[in-house]
Each structure stands twice: as C-alpha cells, then as structure tokens.
N, C-alpha and C. Protein backbone atom coordinates (compact mmCIF):
# COMPACT_ATOMS: atom_id res chain seq x y z
N MET A 1 0.81 -1.19 0.00
CA MET A 1 0.00 0.00 0.00
C MET A 1 0.86 1.26 0.00
N ASP A 2 2.04 1.18 0.63
CA ASP A 2 2.92 2.35 0.66
C ASP A 2 3.43 2.70 -0.73
N ALA A 3 3.69 1.68 -1.55
CA ALA A 3 4.18 1.95 -2.90
C ALA A 3 3.10 2.65 -3.72
N LEU A 4 1.86 2.28 -3.52
CA LEU A 4 0.77 2.92 -4.23
C LEU A 4 0.62 4.38 -3.82
N GLN A 5 0.78 4.67 -2.54
CA GLN A 5 0.70 6.05 -2.07
C GLN A 5 1.85 6.88 -2.60
N GLU A 6 3.03 6.27 -2.73
CA GLU A 6 4.18 7.00 -3.27
C GLU A 6 3.97 7.39 -4.72
N ILE A 7 3.13 6.68 -5.42
CA ILE A 7 2.85 7.00 -6.82
C ILE A 7 1.65 7.93 -6.93
N LEU A 8 0.60 7.65 -6.18
CA LEU A 8 -0.64 8.40 -6.32
C LEU A 8 -0.55 9.83 -5.81
N ILE A 9 0.09 10.06 -4.70
CA ILE A 9 0.14 11.41 -4.13
C ILE A 9 0.84 12.40 -5.06
N PRO A 10 2.04 12.11 -5.59
CA PRO A 10 2.64 13.06 -6.54
C PRO A 10 1.82 13.20 -7.83
N ALA A 11 1.19 12.11 -8.28
CA ALA A 11 0.38 12.20 -9.49
C ALA A 11 -0.82 13.12 -9.28
N ILE A 12 -1.47 13.02 -8.14
CA ILE A 12 -2.62 13.88 -7.85
C ILE A 12 -2.19 15.33 -7.71
N ILE A 13 -1.08 15.56 -7.04
CA ILE A 13 -0.58 16.93 -6.88
C ILE A 13 -0.22 17.53 -8.24
N PHE A 14 0.49 16.77 -9.07
CA PHE A 14 0.87 17.25 -10.39
C PHE A 14 -0.34 17.55 -11.25
N SER A 15 -1.33 16.64 -11.26
CA SER A 15 -2.51 16.86 -12.10
C SER A 15 -3.33 18.05 -11.63
N THR A 16 -3.38 18.29 -10.33
CA THR A 16 -4.09 19.45 -9.81
C THR A 16 -3.42 20.75 -10.24
N ILE A 17 -2.10 20.81 -10.10
CA ILE A 17 -1.36 22.00 -10.51
C ILE A 17 -1.48 22.22 -12.01
N TYR A 18 -1.37 21.15 -12.79
CA TYR A 18 -1.52 21.26 -14.24
C TYR A 18 -2.91 21.76 -14.61
N GLY A 19 -3.93 21.24 -13.97
CA GLY A 19 -5.29 21.66 -14.27
C GLY A 19 -5.52 23.13 -13.98
N ILE A 20 -4.99 23.62 -12.86
CA ILE A 20 -5.15 25.03 -12.52
C ILE A 20 -4.44 25.92 -13.54
N PHE A 21 -3.20 25.58 -13.89
CA PHE A 21 -2.48 26.36 -14.89
C PHE A 21 -3.18 26.32 -16.24
N HIS A 22 -3.69 25.16 -16.62
CA HIS A 22 -4.39 25.03 -17.90
C HIS A 22 -5.61 25.94 -17.94
N LEU A 23 -6.39 25.98 -16.87
CA LEU A 23 -7.57 26.84 -16.83
C LEU A 23 -7.19 28.31 -16.94
N PHE A 24 -6.15 28.75 -16.23
CA PHE A 24 -5.76 30.15 -16.29
C PHE A 24 -5.21 30.52 -17.66
N ILE A 25 -4.43 29.64 -18.27
CA ILE A 25 -3.88 29.94 -19.60
C ILE A 25 -4.98 30.00 -20.64
N ARG A 26 -5.92 29.06 -20.58
CA ARG A 26 -7.03 29.06 -21.55
C ARG A 26 -7.87 30.31 -21.38
N ARG A 27 -8.10 30.73 -20.14
CA ARG A 27 -8.88 31.94 -19.89
C ARG A 27 -8.17 33.16 -20.44
N SER A 28 -6.86 33.25 -20.22
CA SER A 28 -6.13 34.41 -20.71
C SER A 28 -6.08 34.43 -22.24
N GLU A 29 -6.01 33.27 -22.88
CA GLU A 29 -6.04 33.22 -24.34
C GLU A 29 -7.37 33.73 -24.87
N ARG A 30 -8.46 33.33 -24.25
CA ARG A 30 -9.78 33.79 -24.69
C ARG A 30 -9.94 35.29 -24.48
N LEU A 31 -9.50 35.79 -23.34
CA LEU A 31 -9.60 37.22 -23.09
C LEU A 31 -8.77 38.02 -24.09
N THR A 32 -7.59 37.53 -24.44
CA THR A 32 -6.73 38.20 -25.42
C THR A 32 -7.40 38.22 -26.78
N MET A 33 -8.02 37.12 -27.17
CA MET A 33 -8.72 37.08 -28.46
C MET A 33 -9.90 38.05 -28.47
N MET A 34 -10.62 38.14 -27.36
CA MET A 34 -11.76 39.06 -27.29
C MET A 34 -11.29 40.51 -27.35
N GLU A 35 -10.17 40.81 -26.68
CA GLU A 35 -9.66 42.18 -26.69
C GLU A 35 -9.20 42.59 -28.09
N LYS A 36 -8.66 41.65 -28.85
CA LYS A 36 -8.20 41.95 -30.21
C LYS A 36 -9.33 41.93 -31.22
N GLY A 37 -10.51 41.51 -30.79
CA GLY A 37 -11.67 41.51 -31.68
C GLY A 37 -11.71 40.31 -32.61
N LEU A 38 -11.02 39.24 -32.28
CA LEU A 38 -11.02 38.05 -33.12
C LEU A 38 -12.27 37.22 -32.86
N ASP A 39 -12.55 36.33 -33.78
CA ASP A 39 -13.74 35.47 -33.69
C ASP A 39 -13.54 34.42 -32.60
N THR A 40 -14.41 34.42 -31.63
CA THR A 40 -14.30 33.46 -30.52
C THR A 40 -15.27 32.29 -30.67
N SER A 41 -15.88 32.15 -31.84
CA SER A 41 -16.84 31.06 -32.02
C SER A 41 -16.15 29.70 -32.10
N ILE A 42 -14.82 29.67 -32.23
CA ILE A 42 -14.13 28.39 -32.28
C ILE A 42 -14.17 27.67 -30.94
N PHE A 43 -14.49 28.41 -29.88
CA PHE A 43 -14.55 27.81 -28.56
C PHE A 43 -15.87 27.10 -28.30
N TYR A 44 -16.84 27.31 -29.15
CA TYR A 44 -18.17 26.74 -28.95
C TYR A 44 -18.50 25.79 -30.09
N ALA A 45 -19.06 24.66 -29.77
CA ALA A 45 -19.41 23.66 -30.79
C ALA A 45 -20.60 24.16 -31.61
N GLN A 46 -20.50 23.99 -32.92
CA GLN A 46 -21.58 24.42 -33.81
C GLN A 46 -22.79 23.48 -33.69
N ASN A 47 -22.55 22.20 -33.84
CA ASN A 47 -23.59 21.19 -33.71
C ASN A 47 -23.16 20.20 -32.65
N PRO A 48 -23.56 20.43 -31.41
CA PRO A 48 -23.11 19.49 -30.37
C PRO A 48 -23.71 18.11 -30.61
N LYS A 49 -22.84 17.11 -30.59
CA LYS A 49 -23.28 15.74 -30.80
C LYS A 49 -23.73 15.15 -29.47
N PRO A 50 -24.69 14.25 -29.52
CA PRO A 50 -25.12 13.64 -28.26
C PRO A 50 -23.99 12.80 -27.67
N PHE A 51 -23.84 12.89 -26.39
CA PHE A 51 -22.74 12.21 -25.70
C PHE A 51 -23.33 11.24 -24.71
N TYR A 52 -23.17 9.97 -24.97
CA TYR A 52 -23.76 8.93 -24.15
C TYR A 52 -22.72 8.35 -23.19
N SER A 53 -22.20 9.17 -22.31
CA SER A 53 -21.18 8.68 -21.39
C SER A 53 -21.78 7.71 -20.39
N GLY A 54 -23.02 7.94 -20.00
CA GLY A 54 -23.68 7.02 -19.06
C GLY A 54 -23.82 5.64 -19.66
N LEU A 55 -24.21 5.59 -20.93
CA LEU A 55 -24.33 4.31 -21.62
C LEU A 55 -22.98 3.62 -21.73
N LYS A 56 -21.95 4.40 -22.08
CA LYS A 56 -20.62 3.82 -22.24
C LYS A 56 -20.10 3.22 -20.94
N PHE A 57 -20.18 4.00 -19.86
CA PHE A 57 -19.68 3.50 -18.58
C PHE A 57 -20.55 2.38 -18.03
N GLY A 58 -21.85 2.47 -18.26
CA GLY A 58 -22.74 1.39 -17.82
C GLY A 58 -22.41 0.09 -18.51
N MET A 59 -22.23 0.15 -19.82
CA MET A 59 -21.89 -1.07 -20.56
C MET A 59 -20.52 -1.59 -20.16
N LEU A 60 -19.58 -0.68 -19.92
CA LEU A 60 -18.25 -1.09 -19.50
C LEU A 60 -18.30 -1.82 -18.17
N PHE A 61 -19.03 -1.27 -17.19
CA PHE A 61 -19.10 -1.90 -15.88
C PHE A 61 -19.88 -3.21 -15.92
N ILE A 62 -20.88 -3.29 -16.78
CA ILE A 62 -21.59 -4.56 -16.95
C ILE A 62 -20.64 -5.60 -17.53
N GLY A 63 -19.82 -5.19 -18.51
CA GLY A 63 -18.84 -6.10 -19.09
C GLY A 63 -17.82 -6.57 -18.07
N VAL A 64 -17.36 -5.66 -17.22
CA VAL A 64 -16.41 -6.04 -16.17
C VAL A 64 -17.07 -7.01 -15.19
N GLY A 65 -18.31 -6.73 -14.82
CA GLY A 65 -19.03 -7.62 -13.89
C GLY A 65 -19.24 -9.00 -14.47
N VAL A 66 -19.62 -9.08 -15.73
CA VAL A 66 -19.80 -10.38 -16.38
C VAL A 66 -18.46 -11.10 -16.48
N GLY A 67 -17.40 -10.34 -16.76
CA GLY A 67 -16.07 -10.94 -16.82
C GLY A 67 -15.64 -11.54 -15.50
N ILE A 68 -15.89 -10.84 -14.40
CA ILE A 68 -15.54 -11.37 -13.08
C ILE A 68 -16.37 -12.61 -12.77
N LEU A 69 -17.65 -12.55 -13.08
CA LEU A 69 -18.53 -13.70 -12.82
C LEU A 69 -18.08 -14.93 -13.62
N LEU A 70 -17.83 -14.76 -14.90
CA LEU A 70 -17.40 -15.90 -15.71
C LEU A 70 -16.01 -16.39 -15.35
N ALA A 71 -15.14 -15.48 -14.92
CA ALA A 71 -13.82 -15.92 -14.47
C ALA A 71 -13.95 -16.79 -13.23
N ASN A 72 -14.82 -16.41 -12.32
CA ASN A 72 -15.04 -17.22 -11.12
C ASN A 72 -15.61 -18.59 -11.48
N ILE A 73 -16.53 -18.63 -12.44
CA ILE A 73 -17.07 -19.92 -12.88
C ILE A 73 -15.97 -20.75 -13.53
N LEU A 74 -15.14 -20.15 -14.37
CA LEU A 74 -14.05 -20.88 -15.02
C LEU A 74 -13.06 -21.45 -14.01
N ILE A 75 -12.78 -20.69 -12.97
CA ILE A 75 -11.83 -21.17 -11.96
C ILE A 75 -12.40 -22.39 -11.24
N ASN A 76 -13.68 -22.35 -10.93
CA ASN A 76 -14.29 -23.45 -10.18
C ASN A 76 -14.56 -24.67 -11.03
N VAL A 77 -14.80 -24.51 -12.32
CA VAL A 77 -15.16 -25.63 -13.18
C VAL A 77 -13.94 -26.23 -13.88
N THR A 78 -13.02 -25.39 -14.33
CA THR A 78 -11.87 -25.89 -15.08
C THR A 78 -10.60 -25.77 -14.26
N VAL A 79 -9.49 -26.06 -14.90
CA VAL A 79 -8.19 -25.99 -14.21
C VAL A 79 -7.44 -24.70 -14.55
N ILE A 80 -8.13 -23.72 -15.10
CA ILE A 80 -7.49 -22.44 -15.42
C ILE A 80 -7.10 -21.74 -14.12
N GLU A 81 -5.90 -21.18 -14.10
CA GLU A 81 -5.42 -20.51 -12.89
C GLU A 81 -6.12 -19.18 -12.69
N GLU A 82 -6.22 -18.79 -11.43
CA GLU A 82 -6.92 -17.56 -11.06
C GLU A 82 -6.25 -16.32 -11.65
N GLU A 83 -4.91 -16.32 -11.69
CA GLU A 83 -4.16 -15.17 -12.19
C GLU A 83 -4.39 -14.94 -13.68
N VAL A 84 -4.79 -15.98 -14.38
CA VAL A 84 -5.03 -15.87 -15.82
C VAL A 84 -6.50 -15.59 -16.09
N ALA A 85 -7.38 -16.22 -15.39
CA ALA A 85 -8.80 -16.16 -15.69
C ALA A 85 -9.38 -14.77 -15.45
N TYR A 86 -9.08 -14.15 -14.31
CA TYR A 86 -9.70 -12.86 -13.99
C TYR A 86 -9.33 -11.76 -14.98
N PRO A 87 -8.04 -11.50 -15.23
CA PRO A 87 -7.73 -10.42 -16.20
C PRO A 87 -8.24 -10.73 -17.60
N ALA A 88 -8.14 -12.00 -18.02
CA ALA A 88 -8.57 -12.35 -19.37
C ALA A 88 -10.06 -12.10 -19.55
N MET A 89 -10.87 -12.55 -18.62
CA MET A 89 -12.31 -12.38 -18.75
C MET A 89 -12.74 -10.93 -18.58
N ILE A 90 -12.09 -10.21 -17.66
CA ILE A 90 -12.44 -8.81 -17.46
C ILE A 90 -12.15 -8.01 -18.73
N PHE A 91 -10.94 -8.16 -19.29
CA PHE A 91 -10.59 -7.41 -20.49
C PHE A 91 -11.43 -7.85 -21.68
N LEU A 92 -11.71 -9.13 -21.79
CA LEU A 92 -12.51 -9.62 -22.91
C LEU A 92 -13.91 -9.02 -22.90
N PHE A 93 -14.60 -9.10 -21.78
CA PHE A 93 -15.96 -8.63 -21.74
C PHE A 93 -16.05 -7.11 -21.66
N ALA A 94 -15.07 -6.45 -21.08
CA ALA A 94 -15.06 -4.99 -21.12
C ALA A 94 -14.85 -4.51 -22.55
N GLY A 95 -13.99 -5.17 -23.30
CA GLY A 95 -13.79 -4.83 -24.70
C GLY A 95 -15.02 -5.09 -25.54
N ILE A 96 -15.69 -6.19 -25.30
CA ILE A 96 -16.93 -6.49 -26.02
C ILE A 96 -17.98 -5.42 -25.71
N ALA A 97 -18.07 -4.99 -24.45
CA ALA A 97 -19.04 -3.96 -24.08
C ALA A 97 -18.74 -2.64 -24.78
N LEU A 98 -17.46 -2.27 -24.88
CA LEU A 98 -17.11 -1.02 -25.55
C LEU A 98 -17.36 -1.10 -27.06
N VAL A 99 -17.13 -2.25 -27.66
CA VAL A 99 -17.42 -2.43 -29.08
C VAL A 99 -18.93 -2.33 -29.32
N LEU A 100 -19.73 -2.94 -28.46
CA LEU A 100 -21.18 -2.83 -28.58
C LEU A 100 -21.63 -1.39 -28.41
N ASN A 101 -21.01 -0.67 -27.50
CA ASN A 101 -21.34 0.75 -27.33
C ASN A 101 -21.01 1.54 -28.59
N PHE A 102 -19.90 1.24 -29.23
CA PHE A 102 -19.54 1.91 -30.48
C PHE A 102 -20.58 1.63 -31.56
N VAL A 103 -21.03 0.39 -31.64
CA VAL A 103 -22.04 0.03 -32.64
C VAL A 103 -23.34 0.78 -32.37
N ILE A 104 -23.75 0.88 -31.12
CA ILE A 104 -24.97 1.60 -30.77
C ILE A 104 -24.84 3.08 -31.11
N ASP A 105 -23.69 3.69 -30.77
CA ASP A 105 -23.47 5.10 -31.11
C ASP A 105 -23.49 5.33 -32.61
N LYS A 106 -22.87 4.44 -33.35
CA LYS A 106 -22.83 4.57 -34.80
C LYS A 106 -24.24 4.46 -35.39
N LYS A 107 -25.03 3.55 -34.85
CA LYS A 107 -26.40 3.38 -35.32
C LYS A 107 -27.23 4.63 -35.02
N GLU A 108 -27.05 5.21 -33.83
CA GLU A 108 -27.76 6.44 -33.46
C GLU A 108 -27.38 7.59 -34.39
N LYS A 109 -26.12 7.71 -34.75
CA LYS A 109 -25.69 8.78 -35.63
C LYS A 109 -26.21 8.60 -37.04
N SER A 110 -26.30 7.35 -37.50
CA SER A 110 -26.79 7.13 -38.86
C SER A 110 -28.29 7.31 -38.95
N ASP A 111 -29.02 7.15 -37.86
CA ASP A 111 -30.46 7.35 -37.87
C ASP A 111 -30.83 8.82 -37.96
N LYS A 112 -29.93 9.70 -37.55
CA LYS A 112 -30.24 11.15 -37.57
C LYS A 112 -29.95 11.78 -38.87
C-alpha cells in the first residue's frame, strides 16, 4: 500500500497543478482574443453531438461484472489458474461492451 501512495500522491498533486495552470492559460487566451476583436466562435461547438457517457460507462461496468462472474465460474469448473482467468475475462468482456457501445453510437448517428 505504501508503494501505491508513493505514486498516487505526486500524481494527484501534479494533475491538480496542471489543471489550474491550464484553466488560467485558456482563460487568458480567450480574453486576449476578445480584446483583439477576433472570432471566438471556435470555442463553442456548432452542432453538439449527443454524448452517451452514461451508456458507455454502464456497458463497461456490466462487461467487467460479467467478466468477473465468468472468471469465477471458469476457476471453479476448469483448471485455469486464477491469475489468468480474472484479467482475461475482465478485459474480454469490457472490450466487447465497448465495441457494442460503439455500434450503438454509430447506429444512433446514422439514424439522424
């Protein structure tokens, strides 16, 4: 657990500092463009596309859950080792869930 803290604490500190600087720099760039009278419409999306993040994460977590369940079944029924079964099934079903999400998004875009 100590090794994880040694990695996570500096990463969180760095990402927080980076995020704050990024916000201030982006704000100053926009203010400079407005002062010079340049077109600021590039900052706003013309046609915002629907964003199904809830669907994506829901399908991903369902895939992970199914992967864990099937890995547990594989361990109990077959001679596959635990260290192999869990990551293999989790990645397999999480990937399948994300591919299905892509197909659903593509179908939604083609219907419009």
